[in-house]
N, C-alpha and C. Protein backbone atom coordinates (compact mmCIF):
# COMPACT_ATOMS: atom_id res chain seq x y z
N MET A 1 102.05 121.94 86.16
CA MET A 1 102.85 121.35 87.35
C MET A 1 101.87 121.54 88.19
N ASP A 2 101.75 120.41 89.37
CA ASP A 2 101.09 120.39 90.56
C ASP A 2 100.93 121.66 91.21
N ARG A 3 100.05 122.22 91.50
CA ARG A 3 100.46 123.00 93.01
C ARG A 3 100.53 122.47 94.15
N ASP A 4 101.40 123.20 94.99
CA ASP A 4 102.17 122.48 96.12
C ASP A 4 101.07 122.73 97.34
N PRO A 5 100.50 121.54 97.97
CA PRO A 5 99.49 121.47 98.92
C PRO A 5 99.91 122.71 100.31
N TRP A 6 101.03 122.64 100.08
CA TRP A 6 101.68 123.44 101.64
C TRP A 6 102.77 124.46 101.13
N PRO A 7 102.54 125.17 100.18
CA PRO A 7 103.02 126.57 100.22
C PRO A 7 103.81 127.68 101.13
N ASP A 8 104.52 128.13 101.00
CA ASP A 8 104.96 129.12 102.21
C ASP A 8 104.02 130.19 102.39
N ARG A 9 103.57 130.21 103.78
CA ARG A 9 102.73 131.13 104.43
C ARG A 9 103.37 132.16 105.23
N ARG A 10 104.46 132.46 105.16
CA ARG A 10 104.48 133.58 106.12
C ARG A 10 104.11 134.98 106.28
N GLY A 11 103.65 135.21 107.46
CA GLY A 11 103.27 136.30 107.56
C GLY A 11 101.74 135.99 107.98
N THR A 12 101.13 134.88 107.61
CA THR A 12 99.40 134.65 108.32
C THR A 12 99.52 134.00 109.75
N GLU A 13 98.43 134.20 109.89
CA GLU A 13 98.36 133.71 111.44
C GLU A 13 98.88 132.65 112.23
N ASN A 14 98.09 131.97 111.11
CA ASN A 14 98.92 130.28 111.73
C ASN A 14 98.83 129.59 110.47
N PRO A 15 100.54 129.62 110.00
CA PRO A 15 101.33 129.20 109.03
C PRO A 15 100.90 127.95 108.08
N ARG A 16 100.44 126.83 109.47
CA ARG A 16 99.90 125.39 108.83
C ARG A 16 98.68 125.09 108.94
N VAL A 17 97.48 125.92 109.36
CA VAL A 17 96.24 125.65 109.00
C VAL A 17 95.48 126.93 108.86
N PRO A 18 95.05 126.77 107.41
CA PRO A 18 93.94 125.50 107.20
C PRO A 18 95.01 125.00 106.15
N LEU A 19 94.52 123.42 106.31
CA LEU A 19 95.17 122.82 105.03
C LEU A 19 94.71 123.44 104.05
N LEU A 20 95.34 122.81 103.08
CA LEU A 20 94.88 123.82 101.36
C LEU A 20 93.95 122.58 100.59
N PHE A 21 93.42 121.80 100.73
CA PHE A 21 92.79 120.47 100.29
C PHE A 21 91.77 121.14 100.17
N ARG A 22 90.88 121.25 98.70
CA ARG A 22 89.45 121.69 98.34
C ARG A 22 88.41 120.48 98.65
N ARG A 23 88.92 119.55 97.99
CA ARG A 23 88.12 118.00 98.03
C ARG A 23 88.67 116.76 98.68
N ALA A 24 87.66 116.54 99.55
CA ALA A 24 88.25 115.51 100.71
C ALA A 24 87.08 114.39 100.40
N ALA A 25 86.91 113.18 100.61
CA ALA A 25 86.31 112.06 100.85
C ALA A 25 86.19 111.14 102.21
N VAL A 26 85.34 110.58 102.17
CA VAL A 26 85.36 109.57 103.64
C VAL A 26 84.56 107.74 103.01
N GLY A 27 85.23 107.28 103.52
CA GLY A 27 84.91 105.86 103.02
C GLY A 27 84.14 105.52 103.89
N SER A 28 83.07 105.69 103.76
CA SER A 28 81.71 105.67 105.01
C SER A 28 80.30 105.99 104.21
N ALA A 29 79.36 105.41 104.62
CA ALA A 29 78.18 106.36 104.56
C ALA A 29 77.53 106.28 106.17
N ASN A 30 78.28 106.09 106.78
CA ASN A 30 77.93 106.38 108.35
C ASN A 30 77.82 107.41 109.05
N PRO A 31 76.68 108.17 109.13
CA PRO A 31 76.58 109.32 109.82
C PRO A 31 77.40 110.00 110.62
N ALA A 32 77.94 108.71 111.79
CA ALA A 32 78.72 109.27 113.22
C ALA A 32 80.15 109.40 112.22
N LYS A 33 80.49 108.75 111.34
CA LYS A 33 82.16 109.12 111.07
C LYS A 33 81.76 109.74 110.02
N ILE A 34 81.06 110.56 108.96
CA ILE A 34 80.91 111.53 108.51
C ILE A 34 81.22 112.86 109.09
N GLU A 35 80.17 112.67 110.06
CA GLU A 35 80.39 114.00 111.00
C GLU A 35 82.04 114.17 111.74
N ALA A 36 82.53 113.40 111.92
CA ALA A 36 84.05 112.80 112.65
C ALA A 36 85.01 113.73 111.93
N VAL A 37 84.72 113.33 110.31
CA VAL A 37 85.77 114.29 109.02
C VAL A 37 85.18 115.23 109.15
N ARG A 38 83.59 115.63 109.32
CA ARG A 38 83.71 116.98 108.90
C ARG A 38 84.12 117.80 109.87
N ARG A 39 83.88 117.68 110.72
CA ARG A 39 83.85 118.43 112.47
C ARG A 39 85.60 118.73 112.33
N SER A 40 86.43 117.56 112.01
CA SER A 40 87.90 117.96 112.29
C SER A 40 88.22 118.82 110.86
N LEU A 41 87.74 118.25 109.40
CA LEU A 41 87.92 119.17 108.29
C LEU A 41 87.54 120.97 108.86
N ALA A 42 86.51 121.21 109.49
CA ALA A 42 85.71 122.12 109.34
C ALA A 42 87.26 123.13 110.20
N ARG A 43 87.62 122.90 111.18
CA ARG A 43 88.78 123.41 112.14
C ARG A 43 90.55 123.31 110.98
N LEU A 44 90.65 122.31 110.38
CA LEU A 44 91.52 121.88 109.63
C LEU A 44 91.71 122.84 108.28
N ALA A 45 90.77 122.20 107.89
CA ALA A 45 90.52 122.58 106.20
C ALA A 45 89.51 123.59 106.33
N PRO A 46 89.22 124.51 106.57
CA PRO A 46 87.68 125.21 106.19
C PRO A 46 87.29 125.30 104.68
N GLY A 47 86.24 125.03 104.08
CA GLY A 47 85.72 125.66 103.22
C GLY A 47 86.28 124.00 102.17
N CYS A 48 86.67 122.88 102.69
CA CYS A 48 86.79 121.79 101.59
C CYS A 48 85.82 120.95 101.59
N ALA A 49 85.15 120.60 100.54
CA ALA A 49 84.08 120.17 100.56
C ALA A 49 84.55 118.43 101.16
N LEU A 50 83.20 117.96 101.33
CA LEU A 50 83.19 115.96 101.73
C LEU A 50 82.06 115.37 101.09
N GLU A 51 83.01 114.34 100.27
CA GLU A 51 81.93 113.59 99.74
C GLU A 51 82.21 112.15 100.38
N ALA A 52 80.68 111.52 101.29
CA ALA A 52 81.00 110.25 101.78
C ALA A 52 80.33 109.62 100.68
N VAL A 53 81.10 108.16 100.17
CA VAL A 53 81.24 107.20 99.70
C VAL A 53 81.14 105.91 100.50
N ASP A 54 80.07 105.15 100.34
CA ASP A 54 79.85 103.89 100.95
C ASP A 54 80.66 102.74 99.87
N VAL A 55 81.56 102.25 100.88
CA VAL A 55 82.87 101.41 100.43
C VAL A 55 82.89 100.02 100.96
N ALA A 56 83.00 98.90 100.47
CA ALA A 56 83.75 97.74 101.53
C ALA A 56 85.39 98.22 102.24
N SER A 57 85.00 97.69 103.05
CA SER A 57 85.95 97.77 104.13
C SER A 57 87.75 96.96 103.50
N GLY A 58 87.13 95.82 103.25
CA GLY A 58 87.30 94.68 103.00
C GLY A 58 88.41 93.89 103.88
N VAL A 59 87.61 93.87 105.23
CA VAL A 59 87.83 93.19 105.86
C VAL A 59 86.55 92.34 106.62
N SER A 60 86.70 91.55 108.24
CA SER A 60 85.36 91.24 108.37
C SER A 60 84.77 92.13 109.03
N ALA A 61 83.26 91.82 108.81
CA ALA A 61 82.24 93.16 109.64
C ALA A 61 82.73 93.56 110.94
N MET A 62 83.40 92.64 111.73
CA MET A 62 83.40 93.24 113.24
C MET A 62 85.27 92.96 113.58
N PRO A 63 85.85 93.69 112.91
CA PRO A 63 87.61 93.54 113.09
C PRO A 63 87.63 93.12 114.84
N LEU A 64 88.53 91.87 115.13
CA LEU A 64 89.01 91.59 116.41
C LEU A 64 90.69 91.53 116.43
N ALA A 65 91.13 92.18 115.82
CA ALA A 65 92.38 92.60 115.54
C ALA A 65 93.33 93.92 115.40
N ALA A 66 94.25 94.49 115.86
CA ALA A 66 94.64 95.95 115.45
C ALA A 66 95.11 95.81 114.00
N ASP A 67 95.52 94.63 113.42
CA ASP A 67 96.26 94.79 112.32
C ASP A 67 95.09 94.64 111.05
N GLU A 68 93.58 93.88 111.51
CA GLU A 68 92.52 93.78 110.44
C GLU A 68 91.97 95.48 110.68
N LEU A 69 92.09 95.96 111.94
CA LEU A 69 90.81 97.22 111.80
C LEU A 69 92.08 98.15 111.42
N ARG A 70 93.45 98.47 110.89
CA ARG A 70 94.25 99.52 110.13
C ARG A 70 94.01 98.70 108.95
N ALA A 71 94.13 97.54 108.44
CA ALA A 71 93.67 97.17 107.15
C ALA A 71 92.17 97.53 106.52
N GLY A 72 91.29 97.78 107.40
CA GLY A 72 89.68 98.03 106.74
C GLY A 72 89.99 99.51 106.71
N ALA A 73 90.52 100.34 107.63
CA ALA A 73 90.66 101.58 107.42
C ALA A 73 91.91 101.99 106.38
N LEU A 74 92.51 101.52 106.13
CA LEU A 74 93.26 101.83 104.72
C LEU A 74 92.54 101.29 103.59
N GLY A 75 91.87 100.41 103.79
CA GLY A 75 91.06 99.79 102.67
C GLY A 75 89.92 100.88 102.06
N ARG A 76 89.28 101.20 103.17
CA ARG A 76 88.10 102.44 103.07
C ARG A 76 88.82 103.54 102.22
N ALA A 77 90.07 104.15 102.83
CA ALA A 77 90.68 104.97 102.28
C ALA A 77 90.74 105.03 100.76
N ARG A 78 91.55 104.08 100.59
CA ARG A 78 92.22 103.79 99.19
C ARG A 78 90.66 103.54 98.34
N ALA A 79 89.90 103.14 98.58
CA ALA A 79 88.34 102.67 98.16
C ALA A 79 87.69 104.35 97.97
N ALA A 80 88.00 105.34 98.80
CA ALA A 80 87.27 106.47 98.46
C ALA A 80 87.97 107.47 97.51
N LEU A 81 89.48 107.21 97.43
CA LEU A 81 90.15 107.89 96.76
C LEU A 81 89.72 107.26 95.05
N GLU A 82 89.59 106.00 94.62
CA GLU A 82 89.24 105.39 93.75
C GLU A 82 87.82 106.02 92.94
N ARG A 83 87.10 105.90 93.96
CA ARG A 83 85.64 106.57 93.61
C ARG A 83 85.15 107.91 93.53
N THR A 84 86.38 108.73 94.04
CA THR A 84 85.70 110.34 93.96
C THR A 84 86.90 111.18 93.22
N ASP A 85 87.09 112.34 92.95
CA ASP A 85 88.21 113.41 92.71
C ASP A 85 88.48 113.64 93.70
N ALA A 86 88.67 113.76 94.81
CA ALA A 86 89.11 114.09 96.29
C ALA A 86 90.65 114.15 96.23
N GLU A 87 91.13 114.87 96.79
CA GLU A 87 92.27 114.95 97.06
C GLU A 87 93.31 114.29 98.18
N ILE A 88 92.11 114.06 99.06
CA ILE A 88 92.57 113.27 100.40
C ILE A 88 91.43 112.76 100.81
N ALA A 89 91.59 111.34 101.62
CA ALA A 89 90.20 110.18 101.69
C ALA A 89 90.92 109.84 103.01
N PHE A 90 89.42 109.49 103.76
CA PHE A 90 89.58 109.03 105.47
C PHE A 90 89.00 107.60 105.34
N GLY A 91 89.86 106.84 105.65
CA GLY A 91 89.03 105.30 106.42
C GLY A 91 88.85 105.37 107.85
N LEU A 92 87.99 105.27 108.27
CA LEU A 92 87.59 105.07 110.03
C LEU A 92 87.04 103.63 109.88
N GLU A 93 87.90 102.91 110.71
CA GLU A 93 87.34 101.84 111.01
C GLU A 93 87.40 101.55 112.52
N GLY A 94 86.08 100.96 113.06
CA GLY A 94 85.96 100.59 114.26
C GLY A 94 85.93 98.97 114.79
N GLY A 95 86.30 98.73 115.70
CA GLY A 95 86.37 97.52 116.36
C GLY A 95 87.11 96.94 117.57
N ALA A 96 87.41 95.79 117.80
CA ALA A 96 87.92 95.49 119.12
C ALA A 96 89.11 95.13 119.17
N THR A 97 89.88 94.55 120.02
CA THR A 97 91.19 93.72 119.92
C THR A 97 90.78 92.49 121.56
N LEU A 98 91.09 91.75 120.84
CA LEU A 98 90.97 90.20 122.42
C LEU A 98 92.36 90.42 123.12
N ASP A 99 92.21 90.25 124.55
CA ASP A 99 92.94 89.87 125.54
C ASP A 99 92.42 88.88 126.60
N GLY A 100 92.86 87.91 126.24
CA GLY A 100 91.91 86.87 127.07
C GLY A 100 91.12 86.79 127.09
N GLU A 101 90.07 87.20 128.35
CA GLU A 101 88.53 87.01 128.24
C GLU A 101 88.23 88.57 128.32
N ARG A 102 88.89 89.65 127.63
CA ARG A 102 88.60 90.53 127.78
C ARG A 102 89.00 91.07 126.27
N ALA A 103 87.66 92.18 126.08
CA ALA A 103 87.73 92.74 124.72
C ALA A 103 87.81 94.55 125.00
N TRP A 104 88.74 94.95 123.68
CA TRP A 104 88.67 96.00 124.10
C TRP A 104 88.17 96.76 122.63
N LEU A 105 87.29 97.95 123.13
CA LEU A 105 87.23 98.80 122.25
C LEU A 105 88.10 100.08 121.70
N THR A 106 88.11 99.44 120.45
CA THR A 106 89.31 100.75 119.74
C THR A 106 88.76 100.97 117.96
N GLY A 107 89.70 101.62 117.59
CA GLY A 107 89.29 102.02 116.63
C GLY A 107 90.97 102.52 115.45
N HIS A 108 90.74 102.75 114.53
CA HIS A 108 91.62 103.33 113.47
C HIS A 108 91.33 104.22 112.31
N VAL A 109 92.25 105.42 112.31
CA VAL A 109 92.04 106.14 110.93
C VAL A 109 93.15 106.66 110.21
N ILE A 110 92.77 106.47 108.82
CA ILE A 110 93.83 106.48 108.06
C ILE A 110 93.18 107.88 107.06
N ALA A 111 94.36 108.48 106.95
CA ALA A 111 94.36 109.48 106.03
C ALA A 111 95.10 109.40 104.94
N LEU A 112 95.08 109.47 103.51
CA LEU A 112 95.61 108.88 102.20
C LEU A 112 95.06 109.89 101.24
N ALA A 113 96.51 110.96 100.96
CA ALA A 113 96.55 111.59 99.62
C ALA A 113 96.62 110.93 98.32
N ARG A 114 96.29 111.74 97.32
CA ARG A 114 96.22 111.41 96.25
C ARG A 114 97.72 110.91 95.35
N ASP A 115 98.38 111.50 95.91
CA ASP A 115 100.12 111.61 95.75
C ASP A 115 100.78 110.52 96.64
N GLY A 116 100.10 109.95 97.41
CA GLY A 116 100.52 108.58 98.36
C GLY A 116 101.06 108.57 99.69
N ARG A 117 101.07 110.40 100.22
CA ARG A 117 100.93 110.48 101.38
C ARG A 117 100.18 110.04 102.60
N LEU A 118 100.44 109.53 103.77
CA LEU A 118 99.35 108.78 104.48
C LEU A 118 99.88 109.34 105.66
N GLY A 119 98.69 109.64 106.81
CA GLY A 119 98.79 109.71 107.96
C GLY A 119 97.72 108.69 108.75
N GLU A 120 98.18 108.49 109.99
CA GLU A 120 97.33 107.46 110.78
C GLU A 120 97.26 108.04 112.26
N ALA A 121 95.96 107.29 112.68
CA ALA A 121 96.15 107.18 114.40
C ALA A 121 95.15 105.96 114.38
N ALA A 122 95.04 105.65 116.27
CA ALA A 122 94.48 104.79 116.43
C ALA A 122 94.05 104.92 117.99
N TRP A 123 92.73 104.67 118.61
CA TRP A 123 92.54 105.08 119.60
C TRP A 123 93.01 104.21 120.89
N GLY A 124 92.89 104.86 121.88
CA GLY A 124 93.32 104.08 123.00
C GLY A 124 92.18 103.43 123.32
N ARG A 125 92.33 102.17 124.35
CA ARG A 125 91.19 101.25 124.40
C ARG A 125 90.60 101.67 125.12
N MET A 126 89.65 100.71 125.51
CA MET A 126 88.48 100.92 126.24
C MET A 126 87.87 99.55 126.62
N LEU A 127 87.62 99.07 128.04
CA LEU A 127 87.21 97.75 128.28
C LEU A 127 85.81 97.62 128.09
N LEU A 128 85.54 96.45 127.09
CA LEU A 128 84.01 96.24 127.22
C LEU A 128 83.81 95.49 128.06
N PRO A 129 82.26 95.26 128.24
CA PRO A 129 81.57 94.73 129.14
C PRO A 129 81.76 92.88 128.93
N PRO A 130 81.75 92.16 130.08
CA PRO A 130 82.03 90.81 129.62
C PRO A 130 80.82 90.18 128.97
N ALA A 131 79.51 90.84 129.01
CA ALA A 131 78.42 90.44 128.71
C ALA A 131 78.50 90.50 127.22
N ALA A 132 79.13 91.62 126.66
CA ALA A 132 79.78 91.77 124.90
C ALA A 132 80.59 90.83 124.83
N THR A 133 81.60 90.67 125.12
CA THR A 133 83.28 89.86 124.79
C THR A 133 82.92 88.65 124.86
N SER A 134 82.00 88.00 125.31
CA SER A 134 81.44 86.41 124.49
C SER A 134 80.67 86.39 123.82
N ARG A 135 79.91 87.66 123.22
CA ARG A 135 79.12 87.37 122.09
C ARG A 135 80.14 87.55 120.93
N LEU A 136 81.18 88.89 121.22
CA LEU A 136 81.58 89.28 120.21
C LEU A 136 82.60 87.90 119.60
N ILE A 137 83.06 87.22 120.47
CA ILE A 137 84.30 86.11 120.41
C ILE A 137 83.08 84.78 119.66
N ALA A 138 81.57 85.10 120.16
CA ALA A 138 80.85 83.96 118.96
C ALA A 138 80.96 84.20 117.60
N GLY A 139 81.39 85.91 117.06
CA GLY A 139 81.08 86.11 116.02
C GLY A 139 80.05 87.18 115.42
N GLU A 140 79.47 87.83 116.88
CA GLU A 140 78.43 88.91 116.72
C GLU A 140 79.22 90.46 116.17
N GLU A 141 78.47 91.24 115.72
CA GLU A 141 78.95 92.55 115.42
C GLU A 141 78.55 93.37 116.82
N LEU A 142 79.75 94.07 117.49
CA LEU A 142 79.40 94.72 118.11
C LEU A 142 78.29 95.59 118.55
N GLY A 143 78.16 96.43 117.58
CA GLY A 143 76.79 97.37 117.33
C GLY A 143 75.36 96.92 117.66
N ASP A 144 75.19 95.29 117.07
CA ASP A 144 74.32 94.11 117.29
C ASP A 144 74.10 94.07 118.96
N VAL A 145 75.17 94.09 119.49
CA VAL A 145 75.15 93.58 120.75
C VAL A 145 74.89 94.60 121.87
N ILE A 146 75.54 95.88 121.30
CA ILE A 146 75.09 97.12 122.26
C ILE A 146 74.00 97.15 122.27
N ASP A 147 73.15 97.31 120.86
CA ASP A 147 71.95 97.22 120.25
C ASP A 147 71.03 96.64 121.76
N ASP A 148 71.31 95.27 121.74
CA ASP A 148 70.69 94.34 122.47
C ASP A 148 70.89 94.65 123.73
N LEU A 149 71.92 95.42 124.33
CA LEU A 149 72.30 95.52 125.60
C LEU A 149 71.43 96.44 126.27
N PHE A 150 71.59 97.72 125.49
CA PHE A 150 70.80 99.09 125.76
C PHE A 150 69.37 99.09 125.29
N GLY A 151 68.78 98.15 124.69
CA GLY A 151 67.29 99.06 124.21
C GLY A 151 67.25 99.36 123.20
N ARG A 152 68.42 99.80 122.34
CA ARG A 152 68.63 100.73 120.86
C ARG A 152 68.52 99.82 119.61
N LYS A 153 68.39 100.70 118.97
CA LYS A 153 68.97 100.51 117.42
C LYS A 153 69.61 101.37 116.49
N GLU A 154 70.80 100.52 115.93
CA GLU A 154 71.57 101.49 114.72
C GLU A 154 72.23 102.54 115.79
N SER A 155 72.77 102.03 117.02
CA SER A 155 73.32 102.87 117.66
C SER A 155 74.84 103.12 117.15
N LYS A 156 75.55 102.44 116.37
CA LYS A 156 76.96 102.50 115.82
C LYS A 156 76.65 103.67 114.62
N ARG A 157 75.37 103.94 114.56
CA ARG A 157 75.18 105.34 113.73
C ARG A 157 75.24 106.59 114.15
N GLN A 158 75.20 106.33 115.81
CA GLN A 158 74.81 107.47 116.25
C GLN A 158 76.12 107.81 117.33
N THR A 159 75.71 107.35 118.54
CA THR A 159 76.67 107.87 119.75
C THR A 159 77.77 106.53 120.02
N GLY A 160 77.31 105.33 119.10
CA GLY A 160 77.73 104.49 119.31
C GLY A 160 78.01 103.79 120.44
N ALA A 161 78.78 102.52 120.88
CA ALA A 161 78.77 101.76 122.32
C ALA A 161 79.93 102.78 123.35
N ILE A 162 81.03 103.47 122.84
CA ILE A 162 81.22 104.27 123.48
C ILE A 162 80.56 105.40 124.02
N GLY A 163 79.41 105.77 123.01
CA GLY A 163 78.76 107.12 123.65
C GLY A 163 77.58 106.25 124.77
N LEU A 164 77.41 105.16 124.44
CA LEU A 164 76.23 104.19 125.83
C LEU A 164 77.02 104.35 126.83
N LEU A 165 78.22 103.54 126.96
CA LEU A 165 78.55 103.21 127.93
C LEU A 165 79.32 104.38 128.85
N THR A 166 79.85 105.75 127.92
CA THR A 166 80.19 107.21 129.12
C THR A 166 79.30 107.60 129.30
N GLU A 167 77.63 107.62 128.65
CA GLU A 167 76.74 108.60 129.20
C GLU A 167 76.82 109.57 128.28
N ASN A 168 77.38 109.35 127.30
CA ASN A 168 77.36 110.06 126.24
C ASN A 168 78.48 111.35 126.57
N VAL A 169 79.35 111.22 127.47
CA VAL A 169 80.39 112.34 128.12
C VAL A 169 81.51 112.17 126.45
N VAL A 170 81.69 110.79 125.99
CA VAL A 170 82.15 110.96 124.85
C VAL A 170 81.14 110.18 123.79
N THR A 171 81.36 110.26 122.58
CA THR A 171 80.43 109.29 121.76
C THR A 171 81.48 109.23 121.03
N ARG A 172 81.19 108.19 119.58
CA ARG A 172 81.42 107.56 118.56
C ARG A 172 82.09 108.69 117.67
N THR A 173 81.85 109.58 117.40
CA THR A 173 81.70 110.64 116.55
C THR A 173 83.05 111.56 117.52
N ASP A 174 82.74 112.17 118.72
CA ASP A 174 83.98 112.59 119.08
C ASP A 174 85.34 111.75 119.19
N ALA A 175 85.12 110.42 119.59
CA ALA A 175 86.41 109.70 119.48
C ALA A 175 87.12 109.99 118.37
N PHE A 176 86.36 109.42 116.97
CA PHE A 176 86.60 109.82 115.69
C PHE A 176 87.12 110.62 115.34
N ALA A 177 86.58 111.85 115.67
CA ALA A 177 86.97 113.45 115.32
C ALA A 177 88.51 113.47 115.50
N ASP A 178 88.69 113.28 116.83
CA ASP A 178 90.23 113.49 117.64
C ASP A 178 90.87 112.72 116.57
N LEU A 179 90.56 111.22 116.38
CA LEU A 179 91.58 110.65 115.24
C LEU A 179 91.97 111.03 114.30
N VAL A 180 90.69 111.66 113.42
CA VAL A 180 90.94 112.22 112.07
C VAL A 180 91.98 113.40 112.45
N ALA A 181 91.74 114.06 113.52
CA ALA A 181 93.02 115.25 113.60
C ALA A 181 94.32 114.80 113.56
N MET A 182 94.50 113.77 114.62
CA MET A 182 95.52 113.28 114.50
C MET A 182 96.33 112.44 113.42
N ALA A 183 95.09 112.25 112.76
CA ALA A 183 95.76 111.58 111.41
C ALA A 183 96.27 112.41 110.37
N CYS A 184 96.12 113.58 110.49
CA CYS A 184 96.57 114.71 109.58
C CYS A 184 97.89 115.46 110.15
N ALA A 185 98.48 115.00 111.19
CA ALA A 185 99.85 115.40 111.56
C ALA A 185 100.61 115.27 110.52
N PRO A 186 100.88 114.59 109.81
CA PRO A 186 102.20 114.18 108.61
C PRO A 186 101.65 115.45 107.72
N PHE A 187 100.39 115.78 107.16
CA PHE A 187 99.85 116.86 106.00
C PHE A 187 100.09 117.97 107.20
N LEU A 188 99.93 118.57 108.55
CA LEU A 188 100.25 119.77 109.18
C LEU A 188 102.17 119.91 109.23
N HIS A 189 102.67 119.03 109.31
CA HIS A 189 104.24 119.05 109.68
C HIS A 189 104.61 118.13 108.63
N PRO A 190 105.17 118.07 107.60
CA PRO A 190 105.46 117.20 106.65
C PRO A 190 106.84 117.36 106.97
N GLU A 191 107.64 118.41 107.19
CA GLU A 191 108.89 118.17 107.15
C GLU A 191 109.45 117.62 108.03
N LEU A 192 108.32 116.78 109.47
CA LEU A 192 108.98 116.17 110.51
C LEU A 192 108.35 114.59 110.06
N TYR A 193 107.74 114.90 108.95
CA TYR A 193 107.43 113.36 108.50
C TYR A 193 108.48 112.87 107.30
N GLN A 194 109.30 113.00 107.06
CA GLN A 194 110.06 112.84 106.46
C GLN A 194 111.22 112.27 106.38
N PRO A 195 111.83 110.92 105.85
CA PRO A 195 112.64 110.13 105.89
C PRO A 195 114.03 111.25 106.75
N GLY A 196 114.39 110.36 107.55
CA GLY A 196 115.78 110.92 108.21
C GLY A 196 115.72 111.16 109.70
N PRO A 197 116.67 111.19 110.33
CA PRO A 197 116.96 111.54 111.67
C PRO A 197 117.03 113.16 112.09
N ASN A 198 116.46 113.43 113.27
CA ASN A 198 116.82 114.65 113.95
C ASN A 198 115.78 115.93 113.04
N ARG A 199 114.84 115.83 112.61
CA ARG A 199 114.18 116.39 111.76
C ARG A 199 113.63 117.70 112.70
N ARG A 200 113.73 118.92 112.45
CA ARG A 200 113.07 119.82 113.13
C ARG A 200 112.27 120.79 112.41
N ILE A 201 111.32 121.51 113.41
CA ILE A 201 110.33 122.67 112.46
C ILE A 201 111.16 123.82 112.20
N ARG A 202 110.51 123.76 110.79
CA ARG A 202 111.18 125.02 110.07
C ARG A 202 110.64 126.55 110.84
N THR A 203 111.65 127.54 111.44
CA THR A 203 111.28 128.54 111.86
C THR A 203 110.31 129.31 110.97
N ILE A 204 109.66 130.55 111.22
CA ILE A 204 108.78 131.01 110.27
C ILE A 204 109.16 132.61 111.10
């Protein structure tokens, strides 16, 4: 019989943290994404081993729609589960959405457990410079465009567009780490994410 990942933990200081996953995977070889997952798991599941696997997202290199971003995150999480023995896998997908002549930086994270349970979260939008928007519409990748505008190389593997545009007040790792934690909410409060109305937190 499989171990219940959320046993009764009455008497502990925080009965919901840590999550009792021992093995996790992230579907990316990008250092910024790997660090985002590592950072959140260090708080939510201390001691959980993290394996990074380079997988295809199944979507375009530069997603430009919310549904494509979600599909890419889900594809990465599924592929990471298939290629590892992880109990939970994370798919992180960055891209943009178009609104007329404006482009908005955004991202999506999927947390997928081996038993099929799923959590997800998405960024709020950040307006991208017009100089980047026209090039995205023409088919260029945001990382390449931002590298060109700022005279950088491989910024998407480091601070990212969000870091360069905010002078590193918020980096790509920061933004994704928050989303990873948010995507874990259904695993932290499973009783609230079960089907049915008026679910309440069980008192301890």
